[in-house]
Amino acid sequence: MTTILDPTAERSIAARPRLARPESLDGLKVGLLDIAKSKGDIFLDRLEQRLSERGLEVIRYAKPTNTRPAPTPLYQQIADEVDVVIEALSD
């Protein structure tokens, strides 16, 4: 028998349906979330440059540490300020 452990702090599984992806980023504010993993900022710097070249408005955000979920106020701020979010995952 195999036991799989969930590393998150959730006591019960929350079913969250995926949101539909936009057909285009044109006219949308794009949030870039740095989750504090090594070299994620390098990826986001380049991504910000490319999105800005396309005329998109980009807002950067950062988690305080990669070992814990982002604070709820940060999630709320992101939801209030941008239309879509891209997270930097790296290693």
N, C-alpha and C. Protein backbone atom coordinates (compact mmCIF):
# COMPACT_ATOMS: atom_id res chain seq x y z
N MET A 1 0.84 -1.18 0.00
CA MET A 1 0.00 0.00 0.00
C MET A 1 0.88 1.24 0.00
N THR A 2 0.53 2.23 -0.83
CA THR A 2 1.27 3.47 -0.92
C THR A 2 0.48 4.58 -0.25
N THR A 3 1.16 5.36 0.59
CA THR A 3 0.52 6.51 1.22
C THR A 3 1.10 7.77 0.62
N ILE A 4 0.24 8.66 0.15
CA ILE A 4 0.67 9.93 -0.42
C ILE A 4 0.30 11.02 0.57
N LEU A 5 1.28 11.83 0.95
CA LEU A 5 1.04 12.91 1.89
C LEU A 5 0.90 14.23 1.16
N ASP A 6 -0.04 15.04 1.57
CA ASP A 6 -0.28 16.36 0.99
C ASP A 6 0.53 17.37 1.80
N PRO A 7 1.48 18.08 1.17
CA PRO A 7 2.32 19.02 1.91
C PRO A 7 1.65 20.35 2.23
N THR A 8 0.43 20.55 1.79
CA THR A 8 -0.25 21.82 2.07
C THR A 8 -0.89 21.78 3.44
N ALA A 9 -1.31 22.94 3.90
CA ALA A 9 -1.89 23.05 5.23
C ALA A 9 -3.41 22.85 5.23
N GLU A 10 -3.98 22.54 4.09
CA GLU A 10 -5.43 22.38 4.02
C GLU A 10 -5.87 21.12 4.75
N ARG A 11 -6.88 21.27 5.59
CA ARG A 11 -7.41 20.12 6.34
C ARG A 11 -8.36 19.30 5.49
N SER A 12 -9.02 19.95 4.54
CA SER A 12 -9.90 19.22 3.63
C SER A 12 -9.64 19.73 2.22
N ILE A 13 -9.85 18.88 1.27
CA ILE A 13 -9.60 19.23 -0.12
C ILE A 13 -10.69 20.18 -0.60
N ALA A 14 -10.26 21.30 -1.14
CA ALA A 14 -11.20 22.27 -1.69
C ALA A 14 -11.23 22.10 -3.20
N ALA A 15 -12.39 21.83 -3.73
CA ALA A 15 -12.54 21.69 -5.17
C ALA A 15 -12.61 23.08 -5.78
N ARG A 16 -11.65 23.37 -6.64
CA ARG A 16 -11.60 24.68 -7.28
C ARG A 16 -11.56 24.48 -8.79
N PRO A 17 -12.62 24.82 -9.47
CA PRO A 17 -12.59 24.66 -10.93
C PRO A 17 -11.62 25.66 -11.54
N ARG A 18 -10.97 25.26 -12.60
CA ARG A 18 -10.06 26.15 -13.31
C ARG A 18 -10.85 27.23 -14.02
N LEU A 19 -10.28 28.43 -14.01
CA LEU A 19 -10.89 29.52 -14.76
C LEU A 19 -10.49 29.38 -16.23
N ALA A 20 -11.35 29.83 -17.09
CA ALA A 20 -11.03 29.79 -18.52
C ALA A 20 -9.88 30.76 -18.81
N ARG A 21 -8.96 30.33 -19.64
CA ARG A 21 -7.86 31.20 -20.05
C ARG A 21 -8.39 32.23 -21.04
N PRO A 22 -7.87 33.45 -20.98
CA PRO A 22 -8.31 34.44 -21.97
C PRO A 22 -7.77 34.06 -23.36
N GLU A 23 -8.52 34.42 -24.38
CA GLU A 23 -8.07 34.13 -25.74
C GLU A 23 -6.85 34.95 -26.11
N SER A 24 -6.72 36.12 -25.48
CA SER A 24 -5.61 37.02 -25.77
C SER A 24 -5.29 37.81 -24.51
N LEU A 25 -4.07 38.29 -24.41
CA LEU A 25 -3.69 39.17 -23.30
C LEU A 25 -3.91 40.64 -23.63
N ASP A 26 -4.26 40.93 -24.88
CA ASP A 26 -4.46 42.32 -25.30
C ASP A 26 -5.47 43.02 -24.41
N GLY A 27 -5.07 44.18 -23.87
CA GLY A 27 -5.96 44.98 -23.04
C GLY A 27 -6.04 44.53 -21.59
N LEU A 28 -5.35 43.46 -21.23
CA LEU A 28 -5.40 42.96 -19.85
C LEU A 28 -4.17 43.40 -19.07
N LYS A 29 -4.35 43.58 -17.77
CA LYS A 29 -3.22 43.82 -16.87
C LYS A 29 -2.68 42.46 -16.46
N VAL A 30 -1.38 42.29 -16.58
CA VAL A 30 -0.74 41.02 -16.28
C VAL A 30 0.06 41.14 -14.98
N GLY A 31 -0.20 40.26 -14.04
CA GLY A 31 0.57 40.20 -12.81
C GLY A 31 1.62 39.11 -12.92
N LEU A 32 2.82 39.42 -12.45
CA LEU A 32 3.90 38.44 -12.41
C LEU A 32 4.22 38.18 -10.95
N LEU A 33 4.05 36.95 -10.51
CA LEU A 33 4.26 36.59 -9.11
C LEU A 33 5.55 35.81 -8.94
N ASP A 34 6.49 36.40 -8.23
CA ASP A 34 7.74 35.74 -7.90
C ASP A 34 7.52 34.97 -6.61
N ILE A 35 7.64 33.64 -6.66
CA ILE A 35 7.36 32.84 -5.47
C ILE A 35 8.61 32.60 -4.64
N ALA A 36 9.67 33.38 -4.91
CA ALA A 36 10.91 33.37 -4.13
C ALA A 36 11.75 32.11 -4.31
N LYS A 37 11.61 31.46 -5.45
CA LYS A 37 12.47 30.33 -5.78
C LYS A 37 13.70 30.87 -6.51
N SER A 38 14.78 30.17 -6.39
CA SER A 38 16.04 30.58 -7.01
C SER A 38 15.88 30.82 -8.51
N LYS A 39 16.32 31.95 -8.97
CA LYS A 39 16.34 32.36 -10.37
C LYS A 39 14.98 32.63 -10.98
N GLY A 40 13.92 32.57 -10.19
CA GLY A 40 12.61 32.91 -10.71
C GLY A 40 12.54 34.36 -11.16
N ASP A 41 13.26 35.23 -10.46
CA ASP A 41 13.27 36.65 -10.81
C ASP A 41 13.89 36.88 -12.19
N ILE A 42 14.87 36.07 -12.56
CA ILE A 42 15.51 36.20 -13.87
C ILE A 42 14.49 35.89 -14.97
N PHE A 43 13.74 34.82 -14.77
CA PHE A 43 12.68 34.46 -15.72
C PHE A 43 11.65 35.58 -15.82
N LEU A 44 11.22 36.11 -14.66
CA LEU A 44 10.19 37.15 -14.67
C LEU A 44 10.70 38.45 -15.26
N ASP A 45 11.97 38.78 -15.07
CA ASP A 45 12.54 39.99 -15.69
C ASP A 45 12.40 39.92 -17.21
N ARG A 46 12.76 38.78 -17.76
CA ARG A 46 12.68 38.60 -19.22
C ARG A 46 11.23 38.59 -19.69
N LEU A 47 10.38 37.92 -18.95
CA LEU A 47 8.97 37.88 -19.31
C LEU A 47 8.35 39.27 -19.26
N GLU A 48 8.69 40.03 -18.23
CA GLU A 48 8.18 41.41 -18.14
C GLU A 48 8.64 42.23 -19.35
N GLN A 49 9.88 42.07 -19.72
CA GLN A 49 10.40 42.80 -20.88
C GLN A 49 9.60 42.45 -22.14
N ARG A 50 9.38 41.17 -22.35
CA ARG A 50 8.66 40.73 -23.56
C ARG A 50 7.21 41.21 -23.56
N LEU A 51 6.55 41.12 -22.40
CA LEU A 51 5.15 41.58 -22.32
C LEU A 51 5.06 43.08 -22.51
N SER A 52 5.99 43.82 -21.93
CA SER A 52 6.00 45.28 -22.07
C SER A 52 6.24 45.69 -23.52
N GLU A 53 7.09 44.95 -24.23
CA GLU A 53 7.33 45.21 -25.65
C GLU A 53 6.05 45.07 -26.46
N ARG A 54 5.15 44.22 -26.00
CA ARG A 54 3.85 44.04 -26.67
C ARG A 54 2.83 45.09 -26.26
N GLY A 55 3.24 46.01 -25.38
CA GLY A 55 2.35 47.09 -24.95
C GLY A 55 1.44 46.72 -23.79
N LEU A 56 1.73 45.62 -23.11
CA LEU A 56 0.90 45.18 -21.99
C LEU A 56 1.35 45.84 -20.69
N GLU A 57 0.40 46.12 -19.83
CA GLU A 57 0.72 46.64 -18.50
C GLU A 57 1.05 45.46 -17.60
N VAL A 58 2.20 45.55 -16.93
CA VAL A 58 2.68 44.46 -16.09
C VAL A 58 2.91 44.99 -14.67
N ILE A 59 2.44 44.25 -13.69
CA ILE A 59 2.64 44.58 -12.28
C ILE A 59 3.33 43.39 -11.63
N ARG A 60 4.41 43.66 -10.89
CA ARG A 60 5.17 42.60 -10.23
C ARG A 60 4.75 42.43 -8.79
N TYR A 61 4.76 41.18 -8.33
CA TYR A 61 4.46 40.82 -6.94
C TYR A 61 5.49 39.79 -6.49
N ALA A 62 5.67 39.68 -5.19
CA ALA A 62 6.61 38.69 -4.67
C ALA A 62 6.12 38.13 -3.35
N LYS A 63 6.23 36.81 -3.21
CA LYS A 63 5.98 36.16 -1.92
C LYS A 63 7.18 36.42 -1.02
N PRO A 64 6.96 36.51 0.29
CA PRO A 64 8.09 36.73 1.19
C PRO A 64 9.03 35.53 1.26
N THR A 65 8.53 34.33 1.06
CA THR A 65 9.36 33.12 1.13
C THR A 65 8.73 32.03 0.28
N ASN A 66 9.56 31.11 -0.21
CA ASN A 66 9.00 30.02 -1.03
C ASN A 66 8.52 28.85 -0.17
N THR A 67 8.75 28.91 1.12
CA THR A 67 8.40 27.78 1.97
C THR A 67 6.97 27.83 2.51
N ARG A 68 6.29 28.93 2.29
CA ARG A 68 4.92 29.06 2.79
C ARG A 68 4.03 29.66 1.71
N PRO A 69 2.73 29.43 1.81
CA PRO A 69 1.81 30.07 0.85
C PRO A 69 1.88 31.59 0.97
N ALA A 70 1.54 32.26 -0.08
CA ALA A 70 1.50 33.72 -0.05
C ALA A 70 0.46 34.17 0.97
N PRO A 71 0.72 35.28 1.64
CA PRO A 71 -0.26 35.79 2.60
C PRO A 71 -1.58 36.17 1.89
N THR A 72 -2.67 35.95 2.57
CA THR A 72 -3.99 36.26 1.99
C THR A 72 -4.09 37.69 1.49
N PRO A 73 -3.56 38.70 2.23
CA PRO A 73 -3.64 40.07 1.70
C PRO A 73 -2.94 40.23 0.34
N LEU A 74 -1.87 39.47 0.11
CA LEU A 74 -1.20 39.55 -1.19
C LEU A 74 -2.11 38.98 -2.27
N TYR A 75 -2.72 37.84 -2.02
CA TYR A 75 -3.67 37.28 -2.99
C TYR A 75 -4.81 38.26 -3.29
N GLN A 76 -5.32 38.91 -2.26
CA GLN A 76 -6.41 39.88 -2.45
C GLN A 76 -5.94 41.07 -3.28
N GLN A 77 -4.73 41.56 -3.01
CA GLN A 77 -4.19 42.67 -3.77
C GLN A 77 -4.05 42.30 -5.24
N ILE A 78 -3.52 41.13 -5.50
CA ILE A 78 -3.35 40.68 -6.88
C ILE A 78 -4.71 40.59 -7.58
N ALA A 79 -5.70 40.01 -6.91
CA ALA A 79 -7.04 39.87 -7.51
C ALA A 79 -7.66 41.22 -7.81
N ASP A 80 -7.36 42.22 -6.99
CA ASP A 80 -7.92 43.56 -7.19
C ASP A 80 -7.22 44.33 -8.30
N GLU A 81 -5.95 44.03 -8.55
CA GLU A 81 -5.16 44.88 -9.43
C GLU A 81 -4.92 44.36 -10.84
N VAL A 82 -5.01 43.04 -11.06
CA VAL A 82 -4.70 42.52 -12.39
C VAL A 82 -5.78 41.57 -12.89
N ASP A 83 -5.69 41.29 -14.18
CA ASP A 83 -6.67 40.39 -14.81
C ASP A 83 -6.19 38.94 -14.87
N VAL A 84 -4.88 38.76 -15.06
CA VAL A 84 -4.27 37.43 -15.13
C VAL A 84 -2.95 37.44 -14.37
N VAL A 85 -2.51 36.26 -13.91
CA VAL A 85 -1.27 36.16 -13.16
C VAL A 85 -0.42 35.04 -13.74
N ILE A 86 0.87 35.29 -13.81
CA ILE A 86 1.85 34.28 -14.20
C ILE A 86 2.79 34.11 -13.01
N GLU A 87 2.95 32.87 -12.56
CA GLU A 87 3.88 32.59 -11.45
C GLU A 87 5.18 32.07 -12.01
N ALA A 88 6.29 32.46 -11.37
CA ALA A 88 7.59 31.97 -11.77
C ALA A 88 7.94 30.74 -10.96
N LEU A 89 8.07 29.62 -11.62
CA LEU A 89 8.50 28.39 -10.97
C LEU A 89 9.85 28.03 -11.56
N SER A 90 10.81 27.75 -10.72
CA SER A 90 12.12 27.39 -11.25
C SER A 90 12.87 26.53 -10.24
N ASP A 91 13.98 26.02 -10.65
CA ASP A 91 14.93 25.28 -9.83
C ASP A 91 16.02 24.76 -10.71
